[in-house]
C-alpha atoms as a PDB file:
ATOM      1  CA  MET A   1     -37.995 234.460-100.949  1.00  0.00           C
ATOM      2  CA  GLY A   2     -34.430 236.334-100.588  1.00  0.00           C
ATOM      3  CA  LYS A   3     -33.785 238.684-103.097  1.00  0.00           C
ATOM      4  CA  ARG A   4     -31.181 237.010-105.727  1.00  0.00           C
ATOM      5  CA  ASN A   5     -28.107 238.356-105.920  1.00  0.00           C
ATOM      6  CA  THR A   6     -26.226 239.320-109.255  1.00  0.00           C
ATOM      7  CA  HIS A   7     -23.085 237.794-109.997  1.00  0.00           C
ATOM      8  CA  ILE A   8     -21.585 237.017-113.898  1.00  0.00           C
ATOM      9  CA  MET A   9     -21.534 233.719-114.602  1.00  0.00           C
ATOM     10  CA  ASN A  10     -20.822 232.221-117.815  1.00  0.00           C
ATOM     11  CA  LYS A  11     -22.795 229.151-118.920  1.00  0.00           C
ATOM     12  CA  LEU A  12     -21.559 225.991-117.441  1.00  0.00           C
ATOM     13  CA  GLU A  13     -20.808 227.545-114.056  1.00  0.00           C
ATOM     14  CA  ALA A  14     -24.696 228.456-114.217  1.00  0.00           C
ATOM     15  CA  LEU A  15     -25.524 224.625-114.923  1.00  0.00           C
ATOM     16  CA  GLN A  16     -23.151 223.491-112.253  1.00  0.00           C
ATOM     17  CA  GLN A  17     -24.570 225.406-109.928  1.00  0.00           C
ATOM     18  CA  CYS A  18     -28.204 224.203-110.953  1.00  0.00           C
ATOM     19  CA  THR A  19     -29.921 221.816-107.996  1.00  0.00           C
ATOM     20  CA  VAL A  20     -32.231 219.036-108.602  1.00  0.00           C
ATOM     21  CA  ASP A  21     -35.240 218.671-106.534  1.00  0.00           C
ATOM     22  CA  GLY A  22     -37.219 215.336-107.548  1.00  0.00           C
ATOM     23  CA  THR A  23     -37.858 215.757-111.168  1.00  0.00           C
ATOM     24  CA  THR A  24     -37.182 219.431-111.379  1.00  0.00           C
ATOM     25  CA  ILE A  25     -34.187 221.212-112.177  1.00  0.00           C
ATOM     26  CA  LYS A  26     -33.976 224.833-110.003  1.00  0.00           C
ATOM     27  CA  LEU A  27     -31.908 227.256-111.797  1.00  0.00           C
ATOM     28  CA  PRO A  28     -28.959 229.434-109.003  1.00  0.00           C
ATOM     29  CA  ASN A  29     -30.015 231.835-106.696  1.00  0.00           C
ATOM     30  CA  VAL A  30     -28.725 234.245-108.768  1.00  0.00           C
ATOM     31  CA  THR A  31     -29.520 236.694-111.779  1.00  0.00           C
ATOM     32  CA  LEU A  32     -28.103 235.657-115.010  1.00  0.00           C
ATOM     33  CA  ASP A  33     -26.718 237.586-117.541  1.00  0.00           C
ATOM     34  CA  ARG A  34     -29.651 237.252-120.348  1.00  0.00           C
ATOM     35  CA  LYS A  35     -27.243 235.476-122.669  1.00  0.00           C
ATOM     36  CA  VAL A  36     -26.444 233.025-120.196  1.00  0.00           C
ATOM     37  CA  TYR A  37     -29.556 232.918-119.211  1.00  0.00           C
ATOM     38  CA  LEU A  38     -30.659 231.854-122.539  1.00  0.00           C
ATOM     39  CA  GLU A  39     -27.891 229.382-123.388  1.00  0.00           C
ATOM     40  CA  VAL A  40     -29.011 227.429-120.407  1.00  0.00           C
ATOM     41  CA  LYS A  41     -32.614 227.422-120.673  1.00  0.00           C
ATOM     42  CA  THR A  42     -31.531 225.895-124.360  1.00  0.00           C
ATOM     43  CA  ALA A  43     -29.285 223.475-122.799  1.00  0.00           C
ATOM     44  CA  LEU A  44     -31.987 222.061-120.174  1.00  0.00           C
ATOM     45  CA  GLU A  45     -34.803 222.212-123.009  1.00  0.00           C
ATOM     46  CA  LEU A  46     -32.604 219.999-125.000  1.00  0.00           C
ATOM     47  CA  ILE A  47     -32.343 217.337-122.372  1.00  0.00           C
ATOM     48  CA  GLY A  48     -35.833 217.555-121.897  1.00  0.00           C
ATOM     49  CA  GLY A  49     -36.989 219.931-119.592  1.00  0.00           C
ATOM     50  CA  LYS A  50     -39.885 222.433-119.527  1.00  0.00           C
ATOM     51  CA  TRP A  51     -39.920 225.342-117.784  1.00  0.00           C
ATOM     52  CA  LYS A  52     -43.192 226.116-114.726  1.00  0.00           C
ATOM     53  CA  GLY A  53     -43.458 228.750-113.335  1.00  0.00           C
ATOM     54  CA  GLY A  54     -45.137 229.666-109.736  1.00  0.00           C
ATOM     55  CA  LYS A  55     -44.471 227.355-107.121  1.00  0.00           C
ATOM     56  CA  VAL A  56     -42.454 225.354-108.785  1.00  0.00           C
ATOM     57  CA  GLY A  57     -39.988 227.667-110.631  1.00  0.00           C
ATOM     58  CA  GLY A  58     -37.668 225.227-112.887  1.00  0.00           C
ATOM     59  CA  PHE A  59     -37.654 223.164-115.157  1.00  0.00           C
ATOM     60  CA  VAL A  60     -39.497 220.134-115.141  1.00  0.00           C
ATOM     61  CA  PHE A  61     -38.763 216.378-116.395  1.00  0.00           C
ATOM     62  CA  ALA A  62     -40.367 213.348-116.886  1.00  0.00           C
ATOM     63  CA  THR A  63     -37.912 211.500-114.673  1.00  0.00           C
ATOM     64  CA  ASP A  64     -34.806 212.403-112.171  1.00  0.00           C
ATOM     65  CA  PRO A  65     -32.516 214.527-114.745  1.00  0.00           C
ATOM     66  CA  THR A  66     -29.563 214.361-112.421  1.00  0.00           C
ATOM     67  CA  GLU A  67     -27.185 212.360-114.572  1.00  0.00           C
ATOM     68  CA  LEU A  68     -28.078 214.497-117.638  1.00  0.00           C
ATOM     69  CA  LEU A  69     -27.286 217.652-115.533  1.00  0.00           C
ATOM     70  CA  GLN A  70     -23.989 216.311-114.747  1.00  0.00           C
ATOM     71  CA  LYS A  71     -23.267 215.525-118.518  1.00  0.00           C
ATOM     72  CA  VAL A  72     -24.033 219.247-119.911  1.00  0.00           C
ATOM     73  CA  ALA A  73     -22.354 221.088-116.626  1.00  0.00           C
ATOM     74  CA  GLY A  74     -19.423 218.971-117.044  1.00  0.00           C
ATOM     75  CA  GLY A  75     -19.280 220.084-121.072  1.00  0.00           C
ATOM     76  CA  GLU A  76     -20.874 217.380-122.782  1.00  0.00           C
ATOM     77  CA  LYS A  77     -22.955 218.437-125.594  1.00  0.00           C
ATOM     78  CA  VAL A  78     -26.604 216.569-125.254  1.00  0.00           C
ATOM     79  CA  ASN A  79     -28.832 216.871-127.837  1.00  0.00           C
ATOM     80  CA  PRO A  80     -31.118 213.695-128.148  1.00  0.00           C
ATOM     81  CA  LYS A  81     -33.704 215.551-129.786  1.00  0.00           C
ATOM     82  CA  LYS A  82     -31.108 215.743-132.802  1.00  0.00           C
ATOM     83  CA  GLU A  83     -29.325 212.203-132.115  1.00  0.00           C
ATOM     84  CA  PHE A  84     -32.388 210.258-132.348  1.00  0.00           C
ATOM     85  CA  GLN A  85     -34.707 212.785-134.080  1.00  0.00           C
ATOM     86  CA  PHE A  86     -37.238 212.750-131.212  1.00  0.00           C
ATOM     87  CA  PHE A  87     -40.328 215.176-131.977  1.00  0.00           C
ATOM     88  CA  GLY A  88     -43.468 214.374-130.378  1.00  0.00           C
ATOM     89  CA  THR A  89     -46.817 213.641-131.850  1.00  0.00           C
ATOM     90  CA  PRO A  90     -49.151 216.501-131.258  1.00  0.00           C
ATOM     91  CA  ALA A  91     -52.317 215.050-129.662  1.00  0.00           C
ATOM     92  CA  GLU A  92     -54.845 215.668-131.888  1.00  0.00           C
ATOM     93  CA  LEU A  93     -52.764 214.540-135.087  1.00  0.00           C
ATOM     94  CA  ALA A  94     -51.796 211.063-133.062  1.00  0.00           C
ATOM     95  CA  LYS A  95     -55.643 210.553-131.964  1.00  0.00           C
ATOM     96  CA  LYS A  96     -56.230 210.775-136.167  1.00  0.00           C
ATOM     97  CA  MET A  97     -53.999 208.240-136.760  1.00  0.00           C
ATOM     98  CA  VAL A  98     -55.382 205.800-134.261  1.00  0.00           C
ATOM     99  CA  ALA A  99     -58.915 206.413-135.748  1.00  0.00           C
ATOM    100  CA  MET A 100     -57.309 205.677-139.574  1.00  0.00           C
ATOM    101  CA  ALA A 101     -55.705 202.693-138.096  1.00  0.00           C
ATOM    102  CA  ASP A 102     -58.793 200.621-138.341  1.00  0.00           C
ATOM    103  CA  ILE A 103     -58.441 198.763-134.667  1.00  0.00           C
ATOM    104  CA  SER A 104     -60.651 195.895-134.054  1.00  0.00           C
ATOM    105  CA  PRO A 105     -61.140 194.306-130.810  1.00  0.00           C
ATOM    106  CA  THR A 106     -58.930 191.555-131.207  1.00  0.00           C
ATOM    107  CA  SER A 107     -55.898 193.512-133.176  1.00  0.00           C
ATOM    108  CA  VAL A 108     -52.249 193.218-132.222  1.00  0.00           C
ATOM    109  CA  ILE A 109     -50.947 197.041-132.515  1.00  0.00           C
ATOM    110  CA  LEU A 110     -47.495 198.081-132.843  1.00  0.00           C
ATOM    111  CA  GLU A 111     -45.644 201.606-132.223  1.00  0.00           C
ATOM    112  CA  PRO A 112     -42.270 200.892-133.118  1.00  0.00           C
ATOM    113  CA  SER A 113     -41.008 204.604-132.196  1.00  0.00           C
ATOM    114  CA  ALA A 114     -42.924 205.155-129.065  1.00  0.00           C
ATOM    115  CA  GLY A 115     -41.044 208.396-128.378  1.00  0.00           C
ATOM    116  CA  GLN A 116     -42.582 209.329-124.939  1.00  0.00           C
ATOM    117  CA  GLY A 117     -45.799 207.941-125.678  1.00  0.00           C
ATOM    118  CA  ALA A 118     -47.957 210.239-127.357  1.00  0.00           C
ATOM    119  CA  ILE A 119     -49.622 207.764-129.865  1.00  0.00           C
ATOM    120  CA  VAL A 120     -49.631 204.944-127.613  1.00  0.00           C
ATOM    121  CA  ASP A 121     -52.084 207.320-125.372  1.00  0.00           C
ATOM    122  CA  GLU A 122     -54.153 207.302-128.301  1.00  0.00           C
ATOM    123  CA  ILE A 123     -54.071 203.856-128.617  1.00  0.00           C
ATOM    124  CA  LEU A 124     -54.869 202.808-125.371  1.00  0.00           C
ATOM    125  CA  LYS A 125     -58.066 205.083-125.309  1.00  0.00           C
ATOM    126  CA  VAL A 126     -59.843 202.890-128.050  1.00  0.00           C
ATOM    127  CA  THR A 127     -58.142 199.232-126.850  1.00  0.00           C
ATOM    128  CA  THR A 128     -59.669 196.920-124.372  1.00  0.00           C
ATOM    129  CA  ASP A 129     -58.041 193.622-123.169  1.00  0.00           C
ATOM    130  CA  GLY A 130     -58.751 191.832-126.129  1.00  0.00           C
ATOM    131  CA  ASN A 131     -55.762 193.743-127.626  1.00  0.00           C
ATOM    132  CA  MET A 132     -52.170 193.551-127.367  1.00  0.00           C
ATOM    133  CA  VAL A 133     -50.123 197.038-127.524  1.00  0.00           C
ATOM    134  CA  CYS A 134     -46.657 196.552-128.529  1.00  0.00           C
ATOM    135  CA  ILE A 135     -43.921 199.467-128.394  1.00  0.00           C
ATOM    136  CA  CYS A 136     -40.051 199.857-129.242  1.00  0.00           C
ATOM    137  CA  GLU A 137     -38.102 203.231-128.670  1.00  0.00           C
ATOM    138  CA  LYS A 138     -34.512 203.352-129.392  1.00  0.00           C
ATOM    139  CA  MET A 139     -34.127 206.705-127.034  1.00  0.00           C
ATOM    140  CA  PRO A 140     -32.882 205.776-123.727  1.00  0.00           C
ATOM    141  CA  ILE A 141     -34.285 208.848-121.717  1.00  0.00           C
ATOM    142  CA  ASN A 142     -37.846 207.836-123.384  1.00  0.00           C
ATOM    143  CA  ARG A 143     -37.674 204.285-122.805  1.00  0.00           C
ATOM    144  CA  ASP A 144     -37.056 205.054-118.974  1.00  0.00           C
ATOM    145  CA  ILE A 145     -39.944 207.027-119.303  1.00  0.00           C
ATOM    146  CA  LEU A 146     -42.420 204.817-121.493  1.00  0.00           C
ATOM    147  CA  MET A 147     -41.262 201.721-118.980  1.00  0.00           C
ATOM    148  CA  LYS A 148     -42.468 203.736-115.761  1.00  0.00           C
ATOM    149  CA  LYS A 149     -45.552 205.023-117.580  1.00  0.00           C
ATOM    150  CA  TYR A 150     -46.932 201.886-118.881  1.00  0.00           C
ATOM    151  CA  ASP A 151     -45.375 199.182-116.754  1.00  0.00           C
ATOM    152  CA  GLY A 152     -48.139 196.376-116.925  1.00  0.00           C
ATOM    153  CA  LYS A 153     -50.175 198.048-119.522  1.00  0.00           C
ATOM    154  CA  VAL A 154     -47.843 197.237-123.344  1.00  0.00           C
ATOM    155  CA  GLU A 155     -45.736 194.844-124.245  1.00  0.00           C
ATOM    156  CA  PHE A 156     -41.819 196.121-124.754  1.00  0.00           C
ATOM    157  CA  LEU A 157     -40.344 194.517-127.697  1.00  0.00           C
ATOM    158  CA  ARG A 158     -36.887 193.260-127.073  1.00  0.00           C
ATOM    159  CA  VAL A 159     -34.683 193.718-130.123  1.00  0.00           C
ATOM    160  CA  GLU A 160     -30.979 194.361-130.548  1.00  0.00           C
ATOM    161  CA  ASP A 161     -29.982 197.771-129.422  1.00  0.00           C
ATOM    162  CA  ASP A 162     -33.551 198.716-129.092  1.00  0.00           C
ATOM    163  CA  ASP A 163     -33.973 199.257-132.584  1.00  0.00           C
ATOM    164  CA  PHE A 164     -37.145 198.605-134.496  1.00  0.00           C
ATOM    165  CA  LEU A 165     -35.357 197.742-137.501  1.00  0.00           C
ATOM    166  CA  ASN A 166     -33.647 194.989-135.903  1.00  0.00           C
ATOM    167  CA  HIS A 167     -37.356 193.349-135.549  1.00  0.00           C
ATOM    168  CA  PRO A 168     -37.567 189.770-136.481  1.00  0.00           C
ATOM    169  CA  ASP A 169     -39.805 189.828-139.863  1.00  0.00           C
ATOM    170  CA  GLU A 170     -41.787 186.495-138.796  1.00  0.00           C
ATOM    171  CA  VAL A 171     -43.726 188.696-136.159  1.00  0.00           C
ATOM    172  CA  LYS A 172     -46.526 190.457-137.713  1.00  0.00           C
ATOM    173  CA  TYR A 173     -49.583 192.987-136.658  1.00  0.00           C
ATOM    174  CA  ASP A 174     -52.590 193.738-137.366  1.00  0.00           C
ATOM    175  CA  SER A 175     -51.935 197.845-137.064  1.00  0.00           C
ATOM    176  CA  ILE A 176     -48.822 199.480-136.883  1.00  0.00           C
ATOM    177  CA  ILE A 177     -49.034 203.222-136.200  1.00  0.00           C
ATOM    178  CA  ALA A 178     -45.574 205.425-135.981  1.00  0.00           C
ATOM    179  CA  ASN A 179     -43.753 208.416-136.203  1.00  0.00           C
ATOM    180  CA  PRO A 180     -40.625 207.476-137.087  1.00  0.00           C
ATOM    181  CA  PRO A 181     -37.335 209.443-137.174  1.00  0.00           C
ATOM    182  CA  PHE A 182     -36.636 211.558-140.640  1.00  0.00           C
ATOM    183  CA  SER A 183     -32.863 212.174-141.067  1.00  0.00           C
ATOM    184  CA  LYS A 184     -30.911 209.462-143.534  1.00  0.00           C
ATOM    185  CA  ASN A 185     -34.242 208.477-145.171  1.00  0.00           C
ATOM    186  CA  GLN A 186     -34.805 206.790-141.389  1.00  0.00           C
ATOM    187  CA  ASP A 187     -38.345 207.435-142.500  1.00  0.00           C
ATOM    188  CA  ILE A 188     -38.416 205.407-145.543  1.00  0.00           C
ATOM    189  CA  GLU A 189     -36.569 202.201-144.293  1.00  0.00           C
ATOM    190  CA  HIS A 190     -39.230 202.508-141.186  1.00  0.00           C
ATOM    191  CA  ILE A 191     -42.079 202.608-143.406  1.00  0.00           C
ATOM    192  CA  GLN A 192     -41.237 199.630-145.562  1.00  0.00           C
ATOM    193  CA  LYS A 193     -40.007 198.016-142.452  1.00  0.00           C
ATOM    194  CA  MET A 194     -43.946 198.403-140.928  1.00  0.00           C
ATOM    195  CA  TYR A 195     -45.100 197.298-144.445  1.00  0.00           C
ATOM    196  CA  THR A 196     -43.043 194.394-143.929  1.00  0.00           C
ATOM    197  CA  LEU A 197     -44.490 193.460-140.579  1.00  0.00           C
ATOM    198  CA  LEU A 198     -48.153 194.186-141.191  1.00  0.00           C
ATOM    199  CA  GLN A 199     -50.568 191.075-141.448  1.00  0.00           C
ATOM    200  CA  GLU A 200     -52.259 190.685-144.634  1.00  0.00           C
ATOM    201  CA  GLY A 201     -55.898 193.041-144.124  1.00  0.00           C
ATOM    202  CA  GLY A 202     -54.049 195.140-142.157  1.00  0.00           C
ATOM    203  CA  THR A 203     -53.193 198.874-141.899  1.00  0.00           C
ATOM    204  CA  LEU A 204     -50.173 200.937-141.658  1.00  0.00           C
ATOM    205  CA  VAL A 205     -50.556 204.561-140.631  1.00  0.00           C
ATOM    206  CA  ALA A 206     -47.187 206.882-140.145  1.00  0.00           C
ATOM    207  CA  ILE A 207     -45.579 210.322-140.675  1.00  0.00           C
ATOM    208  CA  SER A 208     -42.854 210.864-142.852  1.00  0.00           C
ATOM    209  CA  SER A 209     -40.713 213.717-144.260  1.00  0.00           C
ATOM    210  CA  THR A 210     -41.517 215.825-147.226  1.00  0.00           C
ATOM    211  CA  HIS A 211     -37.544 214.879-148.939  1.00  0.00           C
ATOM    212  CA  TRP A 212     -38.527 211.940-150.839  1.00  0.00           C
ATOM    213  CA  GLU A 213     -41.576 213.836-152.763  1.00  0.00           C
ATOM    214  CA  HIS A 214     -38.962 215.894-154.687  1.00  0.00           C
ATOM    215  CA  SER A 215     -35.444 214.360-154.349  1.00  0.00           C
ATOM    216  CA  GLN A 216     -33.914 212.478-157.407  1.00  0.00           C
ATOM    217  CA  ASN A 217     -31.846 209.994-155.713  1.00  0.00           C
ATOM    218  CA  ASN A 218     -32.676 206.462-156.280  1.00  0.00           C
ATOM    219  CA  LYS A 219     -33.898 205.579-152.850  1.00  0.00           C
ATOM    220  CA  GLU A 220     -36.114 208.244-152.651  1.00  0.00           C
ATOM    221  CA  ARG A 221     -37.502 207.826-156.114  1.00  0.00           C
ATOM    222  CA  ALA A 222     -37.926 204.040-155.389  1.00  0.00           C
ATOM    223  CA  PHE A 223     -40.093 204.540-152.459  1.00  0.00           C
ATOM    224  CA  LYS A 224     -42.178 207.080-154.549  1.00  0.00           C
ATOM    225  CA  GLN A 225     -42.957 204.458-156.885  1.00  0.00           C
ATOM    226  CA  TRP A 226     -43.226 201.552-153.995  1.00  0.00           C
ATOM    227  CA  LEU A 227     -46.304 204.044-152.539  1.00  0.00           C
ATOM    228  CA  ASP A 228     -47.984 203.871-155.583  1.00  0.00           C
ATOM    229  CA  VAL A 229     -47.574 199.650-156.029  1.00  0.00           C
ATOM    230  CA  VAL A 230     -48.945 199.358-152.358  1.00  0.00           C
ATOM    231  CA  GLY A 231     -52.029 201.716-152.838  1.00  0.00           C
ATOM    232  CA  ALA A 232     -50.684 204.286-150.025  1.00  0.00           C
ATOM    233  CA  TYR A 233     -53.187 206.951-149.131  1.00  0.00           C
ATOM    234  CA  GLN A 234     -51.102 210.680-148.643  1.00  0.00           C
ATOM    235  CA  GLU A 235     -52.110 213.564-146.759  1.00  0.00           C
ATOM    236  CA  ASP A 236     -50.486 216.876-146.884  1.00  0.00           C
ATOM    237  CA  ILE A 237     -49.684 217.791-142.939  1.00  0.00           C
ATOM    238  CA  PRO A 238     -48.869 221.485-143.337  1.00  0.00           C
ATOM    239  CA  ALA A 239     -45.596 223.295-141.991  1.00  0.00           C
ATOM    240  CA  GLY A 240     -46.055 224.480-138.163  1.00  0.00           C
ATOM    241  CA  ALA A 241     -48.189 221.661-136.977  1.00  0.00           C
ATOM    242  CA  PHE A 242     -45.438 220.086-134.915  1.00  0.00           C
ATOM    243  CA  LYS A 243     -44.716 223.794-133.454  1.00  0.00           C
ATOM    244  CA  GLU A 244     -44.929 222.749-129.964  1.00  0.00           C
ATOM    245  CA  SER A 245     -42.447 219.765-130.664  1.00  0.00           C
ATOM    246  CA  GLY A 246     -39.351 222.082-131.607  1.00  0.00           C
ATOM    247  CA  THR A 247     -39.577 221.637-135.342  1.00  0.00           C
ATOM    248  CA  SER A 248     -41.931 223.691-138.250  1.00  0.00           C
ATOM    249  CA  ILE A 249     -41.069 221.657-141.332  1.00  0.00           C
ATOM    250  CA  ALA A 250     -43.847 220.146-143.231  1.00  0.00           C
ATOM    251  CA  THR A 251     -44.536 216.414-142.981  1.00  0.00           C
ATOM    252  CA  LYS A 252     -47.209 213.481-144.624  1.00  0.00           C
ATOM    253  CA  LEU A 253     -49.301 211.381-143.489  1.00  0.00           C
ATOM    254  CA  ILE A 254     -49.220 208.061-145.100  1.00  0.00           C
ATOM    255  CA  MET A 255     -51.670 205.280-144.671  1.00  0.00           C
ATOM    256  CA  ILE A 256     -51.780 201.448-146.128  1.00  0.00           C
ATOM    257  CA  GLN A 257     -53.862 198.687-146.085  1.00  0.00           C
ATOM    258  CA  LYS A 258     -51.911 195.696-147.177  1.00  0.00           C
END
């Protein structure tokens, strides 16, 4: 490879000169100013890229990133993690959650906030042809990834706006396992919706924020009381457990048997 030329450019100019090779975004063949490089790196990581050195030498994506690159290179602010509250579940925690869910050989299982499949991967390791695994995901990028990853292996739910909260209450599941979004009490809404969809005798395992524990607002206080009424098991997940997913906040593990 030839020596890179030194050229001063801003973040947008650098993004506009990036190229796409399959599912990898390559940086322009110049030496970027350190500040500009960090801005470009952040922009590409926010849309799902992960740096891989060596022969790859670029930011690798799960699917073709051309459209996303065009958006950020055009100055559009794209931050799916902030918009959709997507912070993938670490593999060991996902494995623990699935073990707690008490999946039987005939269980119908729901993962209502499937992300990029961390929990689904663990579910499929313990299921057989006697199980049905249903998933839902609102974030378009993640939904595309899931459809390619699990085509023919799981049932993709068709709900309005791909929003789990629009799921009809009549359909029930034996096991529900999820890491729902947290902002604006979405975790509270999702967990209570999951309980509505749970069969008698079924098990719900979910991750939540710790916000509701300390808030004196009516909704959070009511949720805390509701957890007591349904006999929820609660376990603290220490801050830092989700560091690899881009957040260091402390969380809770909640299990409810109906």
